[in-house]
């Protein structure tokens, strides 16, 4: 997280961008009954590369908000609800 000051955040809390992606995942799942793929996440987050999405998903998985199934494009399971 270079260039940003997130020292005020608890290490288990989501950053604002991670929270935006998390809410998108939750809303997309409720509307479409499946998770979005990387291209849909990139479009929503206005990011050009998949590595930015991958990085956010890795941190969200590390913080145990989601779980990803290897080898599945839409293999994301939401584990925690954000208050």
PDB file of N, CA and C in Angstrom:
ATOM      1  N   UNK A   1       0.836  -1.182   0.000  1.00  0.00           N
ATOM      2  CA  UNK A   1       0.000   0.000   0.000  1.00  0.00           C
ATOM      3  C   UNK A   1       0.880   1.244   0.000  1.00  0.00           C
ATOM      4  N   UNK A   2       1.723   1.345  -0.954  1.00  0.00           N
ATOM      5  CA  UNK A   2       2.621   2.481  -1.019  1.00  0.00           C
ATOM      6  C   UNK A   2       1.875   3.735  -1.448  1.00  0.00           C
ATOM      7  N   UNK A   3       2.316   4.855  -0.929  1.00  0.00           N
ATOM      8  CA  UNK A   3       1.733   6.129  -1.326  1.00  0.00           C
ATOM      9  C   UNK A   3       0.456   6.496  -0.597  1.00  0.00           C
ATOM     10  N   UNK A   4      -0.037   5.631   0.262  1.00  0.00           N
ATOM     11  CA  UNK A   4      -1.268   5.918   0.992  1.00  0.00           C
ATOM     12  C   UNK A   4      -1.003   5.741   2.478  1.00  0.00           C
ATOM     13  N   UNK A   5      -1.707   6.471   3.290  1.00  0.00           N
ATOM     14  CA  UNK A   5      -1.528   6.376   4.727  1.00  0.00           C
ATOM     15  C   UNK A   5      -2.728   5.658   5.330  1.00  0.00           C
ATOM     16  N   UNK A   6      -2.590   4.364   5.516  1.00  0.00           N
ATOM     17  CA  UNK A   6      -3.660   3.564   6.092  1.00  0.00           C
ATOM     18  C   UNK A   6      -3.328   3.124   7.509  1.00  0.00           C
ATOM     19  N   UNK A   7      -2.454   3.854   8.196  1.00  0.00           N
ATOM     20  CA  UNK A   7      -2.059   3.480   9.548  1.00  0.00           C
ATOM     21  C   UNK A   7      -3.241   3.538  10.503  1.00  0.00           C
ATOM     22  N   UNK A   8      -4.228   4.360  10.192  1.00  0.00           N
ATOM     23  CA  UNK A   8      -5.403   4.486  11.050  1.00  0.00           C
ATOM     24  C   UNK A   8      -6.325   3.286  10.931  1.00  0.00           C
ATOM     25  N   UNK A   9      -6.138   2.481   9.881  1.00  0.00           N
ATOM     26  CA  UNK A   9      -6.990   1.317   9.654  1.00  0.00           C
ATOM     27  C   UNK A   9      -6.518   0.119  10.462  1.00  0.00           C
ATOM     28  N   UNK A  10      -7.447  -0.613  11.023  1.00  0.00           N
ATOM     29  CA  UNK A  10      -7.148  -1.898  11.642  1.00  0.00           C
ATOM     30  C   UNK A  10      -6.696  -2.834  10.532  1.00  0.00           C
ATOM     31  N   UNK A  11      -5.743  -3.705  10.819  1.00  0.00           N
ATOM     32  CA  UNK A  11      -5.203  -4.582   9.772  1.00  0.00           C
ATOM     33  C   UNK A  11      -6.248  -5.532   9.201  1.00  0.00           C
ATOM     34  N   UNK A  12      -7.355  -5.748   9.903  1.00  0.00           N
ATOM     35  CA  UNK A  12      -8.405  -6.626   9.404  1.00  0.00           C
ATOM     36  C   UNK A  12      -9.517  -5.871   8.689  1.00  0.00           C
ATOM     37  N   UNK A  13      -9.446  -4.542   8.684  1.00  0.00           N
ATOM     38  CA  UNK A  13     -10.456  -3.746   7.978  1.00  0.00           C
ATOM     39  C   UNK A  13     -10.095  -3.631   6.506  1.00  0.00           C
ATOM     40  N   UNK A  14     -11.101  -3.400   5.693  1.00  0.00           N
ATOM     41  CA  UNK A  14     -10.875  -3.202   4.263  1.00  0.00           C
ATOM     42  C   UNK A  14     -10.546  -1.744   3.989  1.00  0.00           C
ATOM     43  N   UNK A  15      -9.662  -1.518   3.025  1.00  0.00           N
ATOM     44  CA  UNK A  15      -9.377  -0.154   2.580  1.00  0.00           C
ATOM     45  C   UNK A  15     -10.592   0.342   1.791  1.00  0.00           C
ATOM     46  N   UNK A  16     -10.699   1.631   1.525  1.00  0.00           N
ATOM     47  CA  UNK A  16     -11.839   2.131   0.749  1.00  0.00           C
ATOM     48  C   UNK A  16     -12.003   1.460  -0.617  1.00  0.00           C
ATOM     49  N   UNK A  17     -10.915   1.210  -1.321  1.00  0.00           N
ATOM     50  CA  UNK A  17     -11.014   0.552  -2.637  1.00  0.00           C
ATOM     51  C   UNK A  17     -11.411  -0.911  -2.506  1.00  0.00           C
ATOM     52  N   UNK A  18     -10.880  -1.591  -1.493  1.00  0.00           N
ATOM     53  CA  UNK A  18     -11.273  -2.981  -1.254  1.00  0.00           C
ATOM     54  C   UNK A  18     -12.752  -3.056  -0.893  1.00  0.00           C
ATOM     55  N   UNK A  19     -13.221  -2.090  -0.104  1.00  0.00           N
ATOM     56  CA  UNK A  19     -14.625  -2.050   0.277  1.00  0.00           C
ATOM     57  C   UNK A  19     -15.518  -1.823  -0.937  1.00  0.00           C
ATOM     58  N   UNK A  20     -15.069  -0.967  -1.854  1.00  0.00           N
ATOM     59  CA  UNK A  20     -15.828  -0.731  -3.086  1.00  0.00           C
ATOM     60  C   UNK A  20     -15.935  -2.018  -3.904  1.00  0.00           C
ATOM     61  N   UNK A  21     -14.844  -2.755  -4.014  1.00  0.00           N
ATOM     62  CA  UNK A  21     -14.860  -4.024  -4.740  1.00  0.00           C
ATOM     63  C   UNK A  21     -15.721  -5.049  -4.008  1.00  0.00           C
ATOM     64  N   UNK A  22     -15.604  -5.106  -2.698  1.00  0.00           N
ATOM     65  CA  UNK A  22     -16.402  -6.044  -1.900  1.00  0.00           C
ATOM     66  C   UNK A  22     -17.900  -5.785  -2.106  1.00  0.00           C
ATOM     67  N   UNK A  23     -18.309  -4.520  -2.039  1.00  0.00           N
ATOM     68  CA  UNK A  23     -19.717  -4.179  -2.241  1.00  0.00           C
ATOM     69  C   UNK A  23     -20.182  -4.525  -3.653  1.00  0.00           C
ATOM     70  N   UNK A  24     -19.301  -4.328  -4.634  1.00  0.00           N
ATOM     71  CA  UNK A  24     -19.631  -4.710  -6.009  1.00  0.00           C
ATOM     72  C   UNK A  24     -19.846  -6.219  -6.110  1.00  0.00           C
ATOM     73  N   UNK A  25     -18.961  -6.995  -5.487  1.00  0.00           N
ATOM     74  CA  UNK A  25     -19.104  -8.455  -5.508  1.00  0.00           C
ATOM     75  C   UNK A  25     -20.435  -8.875  -4.905  1.00  0.00           C
ATOM     76  N   UNK A  26     -20.768  -8.282  -3.765  1.00  0.00           N
ATOM     77  CA  UNK A  26     -22.002  -8.629  -3.068  1.00  0.00           C
ATOM     78  C   UNK A  26     -23.231  -8.248  -3.892  1.00  0.00           C
ATOM     79  N   UNK A  27     -23.251  -7.038  -4.441  1.00  0.00           N
ATOM     80  CA  UNK A  27     -24.384  -6.573  -5.245  1.00  0.00           C
ATOM     81  C   UNK A  27     -24.531  -7.392  -6.527  1.00  0.00           C
ATOM     82  N   UNK A  28     -23.403  -7.668  -7.186  1.00  0.00           N
ATOM     83  CA  UNK A  28     -23.427  -8.448  -8.425  1.00  0.00           C
ATOM     84  C   UNK A  28     -23.980  -9.845  -8.161  1.00  0.00           C
ATOM     85  N   UNK A  29     -23.538 -10.441  -7.060  1.00  0.00           N
ATOM     86  CA  UNK A  29     -24.010 -11.788  -6.691  1.00  0.00           C
ATOM     87  C   UNK A  29     -25.522 -11.787  -6.437  1.00  0.00           C
ATOM     88  N   UNK A  30     -26.018 -10.755  -5.750  1.00  0.00           N
ATOM     89  CA  UNK A  30     -27.458 -10.662  -5.471  1.00  0.00           C
ATOM     90  C   UNK A  30     -28.282 -10.472  -6.738  1.00  0.00           C
ATOM     91  N   UNK A  31     -27.768  -9.683  -7.692  1.00  0.00           N
ATOM     92  CA  UNK A  31     -28.518  -9.408  -8.922  1.00  0.00           C
ATOM     93  C   UNK A  31     -28.442 -10.544  -9.940  1.00  0.00           C
ATOM     94  N   UNK A  32     -27.272 -11.178 -10.053  1.00  0.00           N
ATOM     95  CA  UNK A  32     -27.041 -12.141 -11.137  1.00  0.00           C
ATOM     96  C   UNK A  32     -26.921 -13.586 -10.680  1.00  0.00           C
ATOM     97  N   UNK A  33     -26.936 -13.814  -9.399  1.00  0.00           N
ATOM     98  CA  UNK A  33     -26.827 -15.161  -8.827  1.00  0.00           C
ATOM     99  C   UNK A  33     -25.511 -15.851  -9.195  1.00  0.00           C
ATOM    100  N   UNK A  34     -24.495 -15.073  -9.511  1.00  0.00           N
ATOM    101  CA  UNK A  34     -23.136 -15.569  -9.730  1.00  0.00           C
ATOM    102  C   UNK A  34     -22.180 -14.412  -9.523  1.00  0.00           C
ATOM    103  N   UNK A  35     -20.928 -14.713  -9.337  1.00  0.00           N
ATOM    104  CA  UNK A  35     -19.924 -13.679  -9.118  1.00  0.00           C
ATOM    105  C   UNK A  35     -19.434 -13.112 -10.453  1.00  0.00           C
ATOM    106  N   UNK A  36     -18.924 -11.875 -10.436  1.00  0.00           N
ATOM    107  CA  UNK A  36     -18.387 -11.286 -11.677  1.00  0.00           C
ATOM    108  C   UNK A  36     -17.040 -11.907 -12.042  1.00  0.00           C
ATOM    109  N   UNK A  37     -16.670 -11.772 -13.305  1.00  0.00           N
ATOM    110  CA  UNK A  37     -15.337 -12.205 -13.712  1.00  0.00           C
ATOM    111  C   UNK A  37     -14.377 -11.013 -13.612  1.00  0.00           C
ATOM    112  N   UNK A  38     -13.107 -11.227 -13.894  1.00  0.00           N
ATOM    113  CA  UNK A  38     -12.103 -10.174 -13.741  1.00  0.00           C
ATOM    114  C   UNK A  38     -12.404  -8.958 -14.612  1.00  0.00           C
ATOM    115  N   UNK A  39     -12.865  -9.180 -15.844  1.00  0.00           N
ATOM    116  CA  UNK A  39     -13.139  -8.052 -16.736  1.00  0.00           C
ATOM    117  C   UNK A  39     -14.267  -7.169 -16.202  1.00  0.00           C
ATOM    118  N   UNK A  40     -15.283  -7.781 -15.632  1.00  0.00           N
ATOM    119  CA  UNK A  40     -16.382  -7.005 -15.046  1.00  0.00           C
ATOM    120  C   UNK A  40     -15.911  -6.237 -13.815  1.00  0.00           C
ATOM    121  N   UNK A  41     -15.032  -6.851 -13.021  1.00  0.00           N
ATOM    122  CA  UNK A  41     -14.477  -6.161 -11.850  1.00  0.00           C
ATOM    123  C   UNK A  41     -13.584  -5.000 -12.289  1.00  0.00           C
ATOM    124  N   UNK A  42     -12.765  -5.229 -13.326  1.00  0.00           N
ATOM    125  CA  UNK A  42     -11.898  -4.167 -13.845  1.00  0.00           C
ATOM    126  C   UNK A  42     -12.731  -2.984 -14.322  1.00  0.00           C
ATOM    127  N   UNK A  43     -13.799  -3.268 -15.046  1.00  0.00           N
ATOM    128  CA  UNK A  43     -14.650  -2.209 -15.577  1.00  0.00           C
ATOM    129  C   UNK A  43     -15.295  -1.398 -14.449  1.00  0.00           C
ATOM    130  N   UNK A  44     -15.804  -2.091 -13.444  1.00  0.00           N
ATOM    131  CA  UNK A  44     -16.451  -1.396 -12.327  1.00  0.00           C
ATOM    132  C   UNK A  44     -15.448  -0.540 -11.538  1.00  0.00           C
ATOM    133  N   UNK A  45     -14.252  -1.080 -11.316  1.00  0.00           N
ATOM    134  CA  UNK A  45     -13.242  -0.371 -10.520  1.00  0.00           C
ATOM    135  C   UNK A  45     -12.440   0.632 -11.348  1.00  0.00           C
ATOM    136  N   UNK A  46     -12.683   0.655 -12.671  1.00  0.00           N
ATOM    137  CA  UNK A  46     -11.957   1.551 -13.587  1.00  0.00           C
ATOM    138  C   UNK A  46     -10.451   1.322 -13.506  1.00  0.00           C
ATOM    139  N   UNK A  47     -10.086   0.046 -13.578  1.00  0.00           N
ATOM    140  CA  UNK A  47      -8.686  -0.382 -13.555  1.00  0.00           C
ATOM    141  C   UNK A  47      -8.399  -1.074 -14.882  1.00  0.00           C
ATOM    142  N   UNK A  48      -7.227  -0.826 -15.457  1.00  0.00           N
ATOM    143  CA  UNK A  48      -6.904  -1.406 -16.756  1.00  0.00           C
ATOM    144  C   UNK A  48      -6.256  -2.776 -16.661  1.00  0.00           C
ATOM    145  N   UNK A  49      -5.620  -3.089 -15.528  1.00  0.00           N
ATOM    146  CA  UNK A  49      -4.922  -4.367 -15.450  1.00  0.00           C
ATOM    147  C   UNK A  49      -5.565  -5.301 -14.434  1.00  0.00           C
ATOM    148  N   UNK A  50      -5.449  -6.584 -14.703  1.00  0.00           N
ATOM    149  CA  UNK A  50      -6.006  -7.593 -13.803  1.00  0.00           C
ATOM    150  C   UNK A  50      -5.208  -7.684 -12.506  1.00  0.00           C
ATOM    151  N   UNK A  51      -3.952  -7.253 -12.525  1.00  0.00           N
ATOM    152  CA  UNK A  51      -3.114  -7.390 -11.332  1.00  0.00           C
ATOM    153  C   UNK A  51      -3.635  -6.534 -10.176  1.00  0.00           C
ATOM    154  N   UNK A  52      -4.237  -5.390 -10.476  1.00  0.00           N
ATOM    155  CA  UNK A  52      -4.819  -4.556  -9.421  1.00  0.00           C
ATOM    156  C   UNK A  52      -5.991  -5.249  -8.750  1.00  0.00           C
ATOM    157  N   UNK A  53      -6.842  -5.884  -9.549  1.00  0.00           N
ATOM    158  CA  UNK A  53      -7.980  -6.637  -9.014  1.00  0.00           C
ATOM    159  C   UNK A  53      -7.468  -7.840  -8.243  1.00  0.00           C
ATOM    160  N   UNK A  54      -6.492  -8.542  -8.811  1.00  0.00           N
ATOM    161  CA  UNK A  54      -5.922  -9.718  -8.167  1.00  0.00           C
ATOM    162  C   UNK A  54      -5.347  -9.356  -6.798  1.00  0.00           C
ATOM    163  N   UNK A  55      -4.648  -8.236  -6.736  1.00  0.00           N
ATOM    164  CA  UNK A  55      -4.056  -7.783  -5.477  1.00  0.00           C
ATOM    165  C   UNK A  55      -5.130  -7.506  -4.429  1.00  0.00           C
ATOM    166  N   UNK A  56      -6.189  -6.803  -4.805  1.00  0.00           N
ATOM    167  CA  UNK A  56      -7.275  -6.514  -3.861  1.00  0.00           C
ATOM    168  C   UNK A  56      -7.952  -7.791  -3.395  1.00  0.00           C
ATOM    169  N   UNK A  57      -8.174  -8.736  -4.307  1.00  0.00           N
ATOM    170  CA  UNK A  57      -8.792 -10.005  -3.935  1.00  0.00           C
ATOM    171  C   UNK A  57      -7.895 -10.794  -2.984  1.00  0.00           C
ATOM    172  N   UNK A  58      -6.579 -10.744  -3.214  1.00  0.00           N
ATOM    173  CA  UNK A  58      -5.637 -11.445  -2.327  1.00  0.00           C
ATOM    174  C   UNK A  58      -5.700 -10.873  -0.920  1.00  0.00           C
ATOM    175  N   UNK A  59      -5.712  -9.545  -0.802  1.00  0.00           N
ATOM    176  CA  UNK A  59      -5.800  -8.926   0.515  1.00  0.00           C
ATOM    177  C   UNK A  59      -7.137  -9.245   1.181  1.00  0.00           C
ATOM    178  N   UNK A  60      -8.207  -9.226   0.404  1.00  0.00           N
ATOM    179  CA  UNK A  60      -9.526  -9.541   0.969  1.00  0.00           C
ATOM    180  C   UNK A  60      -9.577 -10.996   1.428  1.00  0.00           C
ATOM    181  N   UNK A  61      -8.909 -11.872   0.711  1.00  0.00           N
ATOM    182  CA  UNK A  61      -8.861 -13.275   1.121  1.00  0.00           C
ATOM    183  C   UNK A  61      -7.988 -13.435   2.365  1.00  0.00           C
ATOM    184  N   UNK A  62      -6.870 -12.714   2.410  1.00  0.00           N
ATOM    185  CA  UNK A  62      -5.985 -12.754   3.573  1.00  0.00           C
ATOM    186  C   UNK A  62      -6.713 -12.268   4.831  1.00  0.00           C
ATOM    187  N   UNK A  63      -7.544 -11.248   4.667  1.00  0.00           N
ATOM    188  CA  UNK A  63      -8.317 -10.705   5.787  1.00  0.00           C
ATOM    189  C   UNK A  63      -9.577 -11.527   6.071  1.00  0.00           C
ATOM    190  N   UNK A  64      -9.773 -12.593   5.307  1.00  0.00           N
ATOM    191  CA  UNK A  64     -10.853 -13.566   5.471  1.00  0.00           C
ATOM    192  C   UNK A  64     -12.247 -12.971   5.243  1.00  0.00           C
ATOM    193  N   UNK A  65     -12.353 -12.052   4.283  1.00  0.00           N
ATOM    194  CA  UNK A  65     -13.660 -11.548   3.867  1.00  0.00           C
ATOM    195  C   UNK A  65     -14.228 -12.399   2.738  1.00  0.00           C
ATOM    196  N   UNK A  66     -13.330 -12.959   1.937  1.00  0.00           N
ATOM    197  CA  UNK A  66     -13.752 -13.812   0.820  1.00  0.00           C
ATOM    198  C   UNK A  66     -12.886 -15.067   0.793  1.00  0.00           C
ATOM    199  N   UNK A  67     -13.320 -16.030   0.005  1.00  0.00           N
ATOM    200  CA  UNK A  67     -12.517 -17.221  -0.291  1.00  0.00           C
ATOM    201  C   UNK A  67     -12.597 -17.424  -1.795  1.00  0.00           C
ATOM    202  N   UNK A  68     -11.452 -17.730  -2.404  1.00  0.00           N
ATOM    203  CA  UNK A  68     -11.415 -17.958  -3.844  1.00  0.00           C
ATOM    204  C   UNK A  68     -11.139 -19.423  -4.125  1.00  0.00           C
ATOM    205  N   UNK A  69     -11.821 -19.949  -5.127  1.00  0.00           N
ATOM    206  CA  UNK A  69     -11.579 -21.314  -5.584  1.00  0.00           C
ATOM    207  C   UNK A  69     -10.588 -21.264  -6.736  1.00  0.00           C
ATOM    208  N   UNK A  70      -9.450 -21.928  -6.592  1.00  0.00           N
ATOM    209  CA  UNK A  70      -8.439 -21.909  -7.667  1.00  0.00           C
ATOM    210  C   UNK A  70      -8.979 -22.500  -8.970  1.00  0.00           C
ATOM    211  N   UNK A  71      -8.613 -21.868 -10.078  1.00  0.00           N
ATOM    212  CA  UNK A  71      -8.986 -22.381 -11.385  1.00  0.00           C
ATOM    213  C   UNK A  71     -10.389 -22.050 -11.832  1.00  0.00           C
ATOM    214  N   UNK A  72     -11.115 -21.265 -11.055  1.00  0.00           N
ATOM    215  CA  UNK A  72     -12.481 -20.898 -11.419  1.00  0.00           C
ATOM    216  C   UNK A  72     -12.553 -19.391 -11.626  1.00  0.00           C
ATOM    217  N   UNK A  73     -13.087 -18.960 -12.765  1.00  0.00           N
ATOM    218  CA  UNK A  73     -13.129 -17.527 -13.061  1.00  0.00           C
ATOM    219  C   UNK A  73     -14.110 -16.777 -12.170  1.00  0.00           C
ATOM    220  N   UNK A  74     -15.154 -17.421 -11.745  1.00  0.00           N
ATOM    221  CA  UNK A  74     -16.144 -16.775 -10.888  1.00  0.00           C
ATOM    222  C   UNK A  74     -16.183 -17.426  -9.505  1.00  0.00           C
ATOM    223  N   UNK A  75     -15.071 -18.034  -9.109  1.00  0.00           N
ATOM    224  CA  UNK A  75     -15.015 -18.812  -7.879  1.00  0.00           C
ATOM    225  C   UNK A  75     -14.695 -17.996  -6.647  1.00  0.00           C
ATOM    226  N   UNK A  76     -15.563 -17.071  -6.287  1.00  0.00           N
ATOM    227  CA  UNK A  76     -15.380 -16.250  -5.098  1.00  0.00           C
ATOM    228  C   UNK A  76     -16.567 -16.503  -4.166  1.00  0.00           C
ATOM    229  N   UNK A  77     -16.257 -16.739  -2.912  1.00  0.00           N
ATOM    230  CA  UNK A  77     -17.303 -16.947  -1.901  1.00  0.00           C
ATOM    231  C   UNK A  77     -17.124 -15.882  -0.830  1.00  0.00           C
ATOM    232  N   UNK A  78     -18.194 -15.186  -0.481  1.00  0.00           N
ATOM    233  CA  UNK A  78     -18.150 -14.166   0.566  1.00  0.00           C
ATOM    234  C   UNK A  78     -18.294 -14.866   1.910  1.00  0.00           C
ATOM    235  N   UNK A  79     -17.319 -14.623   2.804  1.00  0.00           N
ATOM    236  CA  UNK A  79     -17.300 -15.259   4.114  1.00  0.00           C
ATOM    237  C   UNK A  79     -17.818 -14.350   5.230  1.00  0.00           C
ATOM    238  N   UNK A  80     -17.488 -13.061   5.158  1.00  0.00           N
ATOM    239  CA  UNK A  80     -17.848 -12.109   6.208  1.00  0.00           C
ATOM    240  C   UNK A  80     -18.745 -11.037   5.640  1.00  0.00           C
ATOM    241  N   UNK A  81     -19.623 -10.535   6.480  1.00  0.00           N
ATOM    242  CA  UNK A  81     -20.428  -9.371   6.127  1.00  0.00           C
ATOM    243  C   UNK A  81     -19.756  -8.127   6.705  1.00  0.00           C
ATOM    244  N   UNK A  82     -19.759  -7.046   5.956  1.00  0.00           N
ATOM    245  CA  UNK A  82     -19.201  -5.788   6.421  1.00  0.00           C
ATOM    246  C   UNK A  82     -20.298  -4.998   7.077  1.00  0.00           C
ATOM    247  N   UNK A  83     -20.024  -4.489   8.258  1.00  0.00           N
ATOM    248  CA  UNK A  83     -21.046  -3.721   8.998  1.00  0.00           C
ATOM    249  C   UNK A  83     -21.227  -2.339   8.429  1.00  0.00           C
TER     250      UNK A  83
END
